[in-house]
Every structure is written in C-alpha cells, then in structure tokens.
Amino acid sequence: MAFNDLFIRTARLQPTEATPVWMMRQAGRYMSEYREIRANHTFLEMCYDPDLAVEITLQPVDLIGVDAAILFSDILVLFPGMGLDLEFQTGIGPVINNPIRSLADAKALRFGDPDRDTPYVMESIRIARHELRDKVPLIGFSGAPFTLASYAIEGRGTREFINCKSFMWNEPEGWDVLMSKFTQSIIDYMCAQIDAGAQTIQLFDSWVGFLSPRDYEQRVLPYSKQVLDAVVSYGKGKADDGGDVPVIHFANGATSMIDLVQQAGGNIVGLDWRLDMKRAVNLIDSRFGIQGNIDPISLFASEEEIKAKVVDILEAVGKRPGHIFNLGHGIQKTTDPDKARHFIKTVQEESRRIRS
C-alpha cells in the first residue's frame, strides 16, 4: 500500500489533485469499535495507555477512510503534571478539583514537562507513526492557552465563563502568570510531539469564541501568537523528508474576528461552520491554508444533502492551494458511521472532479 501524502502536500500549500479530509474527534464515540474499548476502560486509562491510544487512533483510518489520523488523547493531559487534580466524571466530563482562583494559585502551578508528565503521549506518537507508515500522516495537538486556562479556572466545562472572565479582568497579574505558564508548557509539549514524529500539529482554542474581539486581542492573542510562532519555527525542516511540519490553528467560534485569528499565526486557519466559505476565501490571506468547514450536524442529513453541502464548499474554494476539508467542530457521538463514510468518500470523489 502506498503512503497517502495528500494531506501533507496540501498542508504545505502545494497544488494537489484532490482535497484531503479528516474529522475532528474522528476517533471517538460514534464508532462501535471505540465503545467496545471504552466499556472496559476509563477515558484517562485510554489516554495513558499507548497501545489503546494507538488502536483508537487507527480506527477511523481503517474503517472510515480519512486522509489523516489524529492522535487519540485529550487537551487536558498536561494538567496533572502541572499540579491540577484532573478527573473525568460520568455525565459531567472533565473536572478540576483544585481550580485556579487567585494569584497565589497561579504562582503555585508548575510548568509542564513533556518528558516528566506526558511520556505516554510521545510513545503513542512513535507507535502510531510505525503503524501508519504505509497509510496516512499523523496529526498531534494541544489545547491553546485560553482554552486550558478556562478549564483550570472554571474547574469544569461551562458556557458562561464567569470565573474565567472575572479572573482575566480583575487579576491581571495572575492572568499573565497563568497564561505565561500555559504558553511555555504548550510550546514544549507541541515541540516534543514533533520530535516524537507528529507530521502536522493543531492548536485547539475550543472556547475562545466566547470572548469579545477586544478581550481576545488584548488578553489572549499575544499568548496564542507566542505558541504558534514558536512551534512553526521549531517545525521548520523537522519532517522526515526535510520539509516543515505544518501548524493548524483552530479558533472555534472566532470567525467574527478572523482578522485577529490570522494575526495569531500558524500555517493553516481552521474554521467552524459559522463563516461562509466564499467569504472565508476572500478574508483569509493566501499565505494561510484553510481547514473546514461543514456543520457537524450536516452528517444527520440525507446523503444527497451532504453531497450538496460538500460540493458547495469545494466549489467556493476552487483550486486555491491548501484546503483541508473537515467538520466545523467535532463529530457528534450519535452520528451514523455510514454517513461519515459517505461524507469522506464524497469529499474525495468530488474534489478530484472539481480540481481536475
């Protein structure tokens, strides 16, 4: 089997004969094969066990037909090594039992060390690269400084961010200490993933869309830019072929401030579904690739409607280099895997027609 390098070539903005496609959260709960493993293990056990993590990573490659694999892990695995008591509670999700609520709490937080704290992630990457050697590229990832800070301060997922925003506004020194520690820890973590063999890496800013543009520009963008600039620089020439390791920046919900997102940097701008692709092509500078951006709920539509939505996005992009097709956010757990397969196949077939 020949290695499928379409994703890598696209991520480097090279002209390609088709559009690569993968799905955020593609290794997950919508697949019965995943649920069989999950029935016997906690979520963190699966993250911490390289053999299990790799098995889950490979499932959508083998069963759904995506053009890239993304490592099965979680954005919060940095927390325990930094001194945050993390657990996943049934029906709630991640819970931090000692949230950051003061300057003293922020100062007490340790910097993350990938060798000390997350060696299982690096081992998972090394094993996955071996298993994927004749298949597709591997994507590594991390949460962005704001998204990690939001969990650390709130203590769990939220849609209000009252504690996080209050801390950001009322404790500027504590905010800088916290964000600076996350920034350096994320840089070290992402660079270690590159050293372990990640062929592309994505920065997830899952909750940054809950900020106003002014707060993002003043209190978040500088830290995200530090991460992205450092990781882009570190990845230059680090690929197996001597090329660069591309960096994707996905700022969920932030399409209303896409100009600021571009200022943060990276090589590829990830889009949610809230920005029409025709507008995105005009708004995003040609030095960036574009990833996205079909609504994840579209996979609950008929196969004909899915095809129509896919074609609409592909035609909006045209032959512009650097388009990676993806959902606008993670795939829903109740998605029919057959619909996911249809979506993937449709992108692969229709993009070849449109780019020919």
Protein backbone atom coordinates (compact mmCIF):
# COMPACT_ATOMS: atom_id res chain seq x y z
CA MET A 1 0.00 0.00 0.00
CA ALA A 2 1.41 3.39 -0.99
CA PHE A 3 1.61 6.13 1.63
CA ASN A 4 -1.11 8.76 1.12
CA ASP A 5 0.71 12.09 1.36
CA LEU A 6 -2.17 14.22 0.04
CA PHE A 7 -2.78 15.79 3.45
CA ILE A 8 0.88 16.77 3.93
CA ARG A 9 1.21 18.25 0.46
CA THR A 10 -1.96 20.24 0.98
CA ALA A 11 -0.91 21.46 4.42
CA ARG A 12 2.25 22.81 2.79
CA LEU A 13 0.09 24.73 0.28
CA GLN A 14 1.28 22.69 -2.67
CA PRO A 15 -1.07 22.27 -5.66
CA THR A 16 -2.88 18.94 -5.37
CA GLU A 17 -5.17 16.76 -7.42
CA ALA A 18 -7.76 16.41 -4.63
CA THR A 19 -8.78 17.79 -1.22
CA PRO A 20 -7.77 15.76 1.84
CA VAL A 21 -10.39 15.19 4.54
CA TRP A 22 -10.41 14.20 8.20
CA MET A 23 -12.80 14.88 11.08
CA MET A 24 -12.18 16.39 14.47
CA ARG A 25 -12.98 13.78 17.15
CA GLN A 26 -12.90 11.17 14.38
CA ALA A 27 -11.55 8.54 16.80
CA GLY A 28 -14.45 8.50 19.20
CA ARG A 29 -17.86 7.67 20.50
CA TYR A 30 -19.77 7.47 17.21
CA MET A 31 -17.90 4.22 16.42
CA SER A 32 -18.94 0.90 17.97
CA GLU A 33 -15.31 -0.22 17.88
CA TYR A 34 -14.41 2.67 20.16
CA ARG A 35 -17.30 1.97 22.53
CA GLU A 36 -16.18 -1.64 22.89
CA ILE A 37 -12.81 -0.46 24.19
CA ARG A 38 -14.38 2.28 26.31
CA ALA A 39 -16.64 -0.27 28.05
CA ASN A 40 -13.60 -1.75 29.77
CA HIS A 41 -11.52 1.35 30.46
CA THR A 42 -11.88 4.86 31.82
CA PHE A 43 -11.28 7.72 29.43
CA LEU A 44 -7.96 8.63 31.05
CA GLU A 45 -6.83 5.00 31.04
CA MET A 46 -7.23 5.02 27.27
CA CYS A 47 -5.23 8.23 27.01
CA TYR A 48 -2.47 6.95 29.29
CA ASP A 49 -2.07 3.53 27.62
CA PRO A 50 -0.13 3.91 24.33
CA ASP A 51 -1.38 0.60 22.91
CA LEU A 52 -5.01 1.55 23.49
CA ALA A 53 -4.48 5.12 22.28
CA VAL A 54 -2.92 3.90 19.06
CA GLU A 55 -5.63 1.31 18.46
CA ILE A 56 -8.25 4.05 18.75
CA THR A 57 -6.19 6.43 16.60
CA LEU A 58 -6.13 3.89 13.77
CA GLN A 59 -9.84 3.04 13.81
CA PRO A 60 -11.12 5.86 11.56
CA VAL A 61 -8.22 5.35 9.15
CA ASP A 62 -9.07 1.70 8.67
CA LEU A 63 -12.86 1.91 8.96
CA ILE A 64 -13.89 5.39 7.72
CA GLY A 65 -11.18 6.12 5.14
CA VAL A 66 -9.89 9.51 6.28
CA ASP A 67 -6.76 11.04 4.74
CA ALA A 68 -5.04 11.75 8.07
CA ALA A 69 -5.03 10.31 11.59
CA ILE A 70 -5.14 12.44 14.71
CA LEU A 71 -3.68 11.04 17.89
CA PHE A 72 -6.25 9.87 20.42
CA SER A 73 -5.61 11.92 23.55
CA ASP A 74 -7.11 14.92 25.34
CA ILE A 75 -6.18 18.59 25.59
CA LEU A 76 -6.13 18.38 29.41
CA VAL A 77 -3.49 15.69 29.85
CA LEU A 78 -1.00 18.46 30.70
CA PHE A 79 -2.90 19.27 33.89
CA PRO A 80 -1.80 16.57 36.37
CA GLY A 81 1.90 17.23 35.80
CA MET A 82 1.32 20.94 36.34
CA GLY A 83 -0.39 20.31 39.68
CA LEU A 84 -4.06 20.35 38.68
CA ASP A 85 -6.20 17.48 40.02
CA LEU A 86 -7.99 16.22 36.91
CA GLU A 87 -10.70 13.58 36.69
CA PHE A 88 -13.44 12.73 34.21
CA GLN A 89 -16.85 12.28 35.79
CA THR A 90 -19.66 10.40 34.08
CA GLY A 91 -22.27 12.81 32.75
CA ILE A 92 -20.12 15.85 33.53
CA GLY A 93 -16.83 15.45 31.69
CA PRO A 94 -13.53 16.91 32.91
CA VAL A 95 -13.45 18.20 36.49
CA ILE A 96 -10.51 20.02 38.09
CA ASN A 97 -10.80 19.60 41.84
CA ASN A 98 -8.38 22.42 42.71
CA PRO A 99 -9.22 25.22 40.25
CA ILE A 100 -7.13 28.36 39.89
CA ARG A 101 -8.87 31.26 41.63
CA SER A 102 -6.05 33.56 42.81
CA LEU A 103 -2.61 34.93 42.01
CA ALA A 104 -1.17 32.55 44.61
CA ASP A 105 -2.83 29.60 42.87
CA ALA A 106 -1.35 30.67 39.53
CA LYS A 107 2.11 31.08 41.02
CA ALA A 108 1.90 27.62 42.62
CA LEU A 109 1.23 25.96 39.26
CA ARG A 110 4.21 24.11 37.82
CA PHE A 111 5.44 24.41 34.25
CA GLY A 112 4.65 21.32 32.23
CA ASP A 113 7.48 18.99 31.23
CA PRO A 114 6.63 16.54 28.41
CA ASP A 115 9.35 14.07 29.41
CA ARG A 116 8.19 14.04 33.02
CA ASP A 117 4.45 14.48 32.58
CA THR A 118 3.33 13.01 29.26
CA PRO A 119 5.83 10.35 28.09
CA TYR A 120 2.88 8.13 27.16
CA VAL A 121 1.80 10.70 24.55
CA MET A 122 5.22 10.62 22.91
CA GLU A 123 5.26 6.82 22.98
CA SER A 124 1.79 6.76 21.42
CA ILE A 125 3.03 9.02 18.62
CA ARG A 126 6.06 6.81 17.96
CA ILE A 127 3.94 3.64 17.83
CA ALA A 128 1.26 5.28 15.70
CA ARG A 129 3.81 6.54 13.20
CA HIS A 130 5.12 2.99 12.81
CA GLU A 131 1.61 1.61 12.32
CA LEU A 132 0.71 4.37 9.84
CA ARG A 133 3.92 4.15 7.81
CA ASP A 134 2.10 2.81 4.70
CA LYS A 135 -1.17 4.64 5.31
CA VAL A 136 -1.65 8.34 6.18
CA PRO A 137 0.06 11.14 8.15
CA LEU A 138 -0.36 11.63 11.89
CA ILE A 139 -1.60 14.86 13.48
CA GLY A 140 -0.60 15.82 17.02
CA PHE A 141 -2.34 18.52 19.04
CA SER A 142 -2.66 20.63 22.14
CA GLY A 143 -5.19 22.93 23.70
CA ALA A 144 -4.44 26.65 23.41
CA PRO A 145 -3.56 28.84 26.41
CA PHE A 146 -7.03 30.37 26.77
CA THR A 147 -8.88 27.07 26.49
CA LEU A 148 -6.64 25.43 29.08
CA ALA A 149 -6.97 28.46 31.35
CA SER A 150 -10.75 28.37 31.08
CA TYR A 151 -10.86 24.79 32.34
CA ALA A 152 -8.25 25.46 35.02
CA ILE A 153 -10.18 28.44 36.40
CA GLU A 154 -13.76 27.20 35.99
CA GLY A 155 -12.96 23.70 37.21
CA ARG A 156 -15.15 22.12 34.52
CA GLY A 157 -16.75 22.86 31.18
CA THR A 158 -19.04 25.88 31.03
CA ARG A 159 -20.89 28.14 28.61
CA GLU A 160 -20.74 31.28 30.75
CA PHE A 161 -17.06 31.58 31.77
CA ILE A 162 -17.94 33.78 34.72
CA ASN A 163 -14.95 32.76 36.86
CA CYS A 164 -12.55 32.78 33.92
CA LYS A 165 -13.51 36.22 32.61
CA SER A 166 -13.66 37.70 36.10
CA PHE A 167 -10.14 36.42 36.80
CA MET A 168 -8.94 37.75 33.42
CA TRP A 169 -10.35 41.22 34.13
CA ASN A 170 -9.80 41.52 37.88
CA GLU A 171 -6.48 39.69 38.38
CA PRO A 172 -4.24 40.88 35.52
CA GLU A 173 -1.04 39.72 37.21
CA GLY A 174 -2.49 36.32 37.99
CA TRP A 175 -3.84 36.05 34.43
CA ASP A 176 -0.41 36.79 32.97
CA VAL A 177 1.27 34.27 35.29
CA LEU A 178 -1.27 31.59 34.39
CA MET A 179 -1.27 32.25 30.65
CA SER A 180 2.51 32.50 30.53
CA LYS A 181 2.88 29.12 32.24
CA PHE A 182 0.40 27.51 29.88
CA THR A 183 2.07 29.17 26.89
CA GLN A 184 5.53 27.80 27.65
CA SER A 185 4.16 24.39 28.66
CA ILE A 186 2.20 24.12 25.41
CA ILE A 187 5.23 25.12 23.33
CA ASP A 188 7.35 22.44 24.99
CA TYR A 189 4.57 19.86 24.64
CA MET A 190 3.93 20.53 20.95
CA CYS A 191 7.62 20.60 20.09
CA ALA A 192 8.09 17.29 21.89
CA GLN A 193 5.28 15.85 19.75
CA ILE A 194 7.13 16.99 16.64
CA ASP A 195 10.30 15.30 17.90
CA ALA A 196 8.30 12.12 18.56
CA GLY A 197 7.08 12.09 14.96
CA ALA A 198 3.90 14.17 14.61
CA GLN A 199 3.75 15.22 10.95
CA THR A 200 1.33 18.11 11.48
CA ILE A 201 0.16 19.67 14.72
CA GLN A 202 -3.05 21.50 15.63
CA LEU A 203 -3.68 24.09 18.33
CA PHE A 204 -7.27 23.80 19.59
CA ASP A 205 -8.74 27.01 21.02
CA SER A 206 -12.11 25.41 21.65
CA TRP A 207 -13.74 28.15 23.75
CA VAL A 208 -12.11 31.36 22.55
CA GLY A 209 -15.27 32.26 20.62
CA PHE A 210 -16.90 33.21 23.92
CA LEU A 211 -14.62 36.26 24.14
CA SER A 212 -15.20 39.69 22.68
CA PRO A 213 -12.75 40.74 19.95
CA ARG A 214 -11.25 43.35 22.28
CA ASP A 215 -10.60 40.86 25.08
CA TYR A 216 -9.16 38.37 22.59
CA GLU A 217 -6.84 40.94 21.07
CA GLN A 218 -5.57 42.30 24.38
CA ARG A 219 -5.59 39.30 26.71
CA VAL A 220 -5.34 36.14 24.59
CA LEU A 221 -3.90 36.76 21.14
CA PRO A 222 -0.37 37.59 22.41
CA TYR A 223 -0.10 34.20 24.15
CA SER A 224 -1.52 32.23 21.23
CA LYS A 225 0.88 34.04 18.92
CA GLN A 226 3.82 33.08 21.13
CA VAL A 227 2.80 29.43 20.87
CA LEU A 228 2.17 29.44 17.15
CA ASP A 229 5.30 31.40 16.24
CA ALA A 230 7.47 29.15 18.39
CA VAL A 231 6.02 25.89 17.08
CA VAL A 232 6.06 26.98 13.43
CA SER A 233 9.72 27.97 13.84
CA TYR A 234 10.60 24.74 15.64
CA GLY A 235 8.94 22.61 12.97
CA LYS A 236 10.96 24.05 10.09
CA GLY A 237 12.90 21.25 8.44
CA LYS A 238 11.79 18.71 11.08
CA ALA A 239 9.70 16.48 8.80
CA ASP A 240 11.02 13.11 7.64
CA ASP A 241 11.56 14.48 4.15
CA GLY A 242 13.35 17.58 5.42
CA GLY A 243 10.31 19.77 4.95
CA ASP A 244 8.40 21.79 7.52
CA VAL A 245 5.85 20.45 9.98
CA PRO A 246 2.65 22.44 9.31
CA VAL A 247 0.74 24.01 12.21
CA ILE A 248 -3.07 24.34 12.21
CA HIS A 249 -4.75 26.98 14.37
CA PHE A 250 -8.40 26.19 15.11
CA ALA A 251 -10.14 29.01 16.99
CA ASN A 252 -13.68 27.72 17.44
CA GLY A 253 -16.43 30.34 17.34
CA ALA A 254 -13.99 33.09 16.39
CA THR A 255 -14.92 33.68 12.76
CA SER A 256 -16.30 37.12 13.69
CA MET A 257 -12.71 38.12 14.44
CA ILE A 258 -10.96 36.16 11.71
CA ASP A 259 -8.59 39.08 11.12
CA LEU A 260 -7.26 38.71 14.67
CA VAL A 261 -7.06 34.93 14.37
CA GLN A 262 -4.79 35.39 11.37
CA GLN A 263 -2.59 37.75 13.39
CA ALA A 264 -2.03 34.91 15.86
CA GLY A 265 -0.25 32.95 13.13
CA GLY A 266 0.21 29.32 12.21
CA ASN A 267 0.18 27.87 8.70
CA ILE A 268 -3.46 26.83 8.38
CA VAL A 269 -6.56 28.62 9.68
CA GLY A 270 -9.20 26.19 10.95
CA LEU A 271 -12.79 27.36 10.52
CA ASP A 272 -16.01 26.43 12.24
CA TRP A 273 -19.20 26.35 10.13
CA ARG A 274 -20.32 29.89 11.00
CA LEU A 275 -18.39 31.57 8.20
CA ASP A 276 -19.44 31.00 4.59
CA MET A 277 -16.55 29.52 2.66
CA LYS A 278 -16.89 32.05 -0.17
CA ARG A 279 -16.31 34.84 2.35
CA ALA A 280 -13.54 32.88 4.06
CA VAL A 281 -11.58 32.56 0.82
CA ASN A 282 -11.70 36.35 0.44
CA LEU A 283 -10.97 37.14 4.09
CA ILE A 284 -8.10 34.72 4.73
CA ASP A 285 -4.71 35.72 3.38
CA SER A 286 -3.32 33.40 0.69
CA ARG A 287 -0.27 32.64 2.84
CA PHE A 288 -2.56 30.50 5.00
CA GLY A 289 -4.17 27.21 4.21
CA ILE A 290 -7.83 26.79 5.19
CA GLN A 291 -9.31 23.88 7.11
CA GLY A 292 -13.07 23.25 7.28
CA ASN A 293 -15.89 23.84 7.43
CA ILE A 294 -19.11 21.82 7.11
CA ASP A 295 -21.55 21.86 10.06
CA PRO A 296 -21.06 18.59 12.02
CA ILE A 297 -24.84 18.19 12.19
CA SER A 298 -24.87 18.00 8.39
CA LEU A 299 -23.96 14.33 8.77
CA PHE A 300 -27.52 13.77 10.02
CA ALA A 301 -28.89 14.96 6.66
CA SER A 302 -29.65 12.76 3.66
CA GLU A 303 -26.74 11.57 1.53
CA GLU A 304 -27.94 13.89 -1.24
CA GLU A 305 -27.93 16.89 1.09
CA ILE A 306 -24.48 16.00 2.44
CA LYS A 307 -23.16 15.86 -1.13
CA ALA A 308 -24.72 19.23 -1.96
CA LYS A 309 -23.12 20.87 1.09
CA VAL A 310 -19.74 19.32 0.31
CA VAL A 311 -19.82 20.45 -3.31
CA ASP A 312 -20.83 23.97 -2.27
CA ILE A 313 -17.75 24.29 -0.07
CA LEU A 314 -15.41 22.69 -2.60
CA GLU A 315 -16.63 24.98 -5.37
CA ALA A 316 -16.22 28.03 -3.12
CA VAL A 317 -12.57 27.11 -2.56
CA GLY A 318 -11.97 26.17 -6.19
CA LYS A 319 -8.35 25.37 -6.92
CA ARG A 320 -6.89 27.52 -4.16
CA PRO A 321 -4.00 25.55 -2.63
CA GLY A 322 -4.09 24.49 0.99
CA HIS A 323 -7.71 23.47 1.58
CA ILE A 324 -8.18 20.63 4.08
CA PHE A 325 -11.80 19.52 4.37
CA ASN A 326 -13.09 19.00 7.90
CA LEU A 327 -16.13 19.44 10.06
CA GLY A 328 -16.59 22.83 11.66
CA HIS A 329 -16.14 21.16 15.06
CA GLY A 330 -16.06 17.62 16.46
CA ILE A 331 -18.22 14.84 15.06
CA GLN A 332 -21.31 14.16 17.20
CA LYS A 333 -21.39 10.91 19.17
CA THR A 334 -24.75 9.85 17.68
CA THR A 335 -23.55 10.23 14.08
CA ASP A 336 -24.16 7.19 11.87
CA PRO A 337 -20.71 5.87 10.81
CA ASP A 338 -22.15 5.13 7.35
CA LYS A 339 -22.94 8.83 6.96
CA ALA A 340 -19.38 9.66 8.00
CA ARG A 341 -18.06 7.26 5.36
CA HIS A 342 -20.34 8.82 2.76
CA PHE A 343 -19.10 12.28 3.71
CA ILE A 344 -15.44 11.25 3.43
CA LYS A 345 -15.95 9.47 0.11
CA THR A 346 -17.91 12.40 -1.30
CA VAL A 347 -15.13 14.87 -0.50
CA GLN A 348 -12.53 12.58 -2.04
CA GLU A 349 -14.51 11.99 -5.24
CA GLU A 350 -15.97 15.46 -5.78
CA SER A 351 -12.73 17.28 -5.03
CA ARG A 352 -10.96 15.29 -7.74
CA ARG A 353 -13.66 16.32 -10.20
CA ILE A 354 -13.55 19.99 -9.20
CA ARG A 355 -9.75 20.21 -9.11
CA SER A 356 -9.24 18.35 -12.38
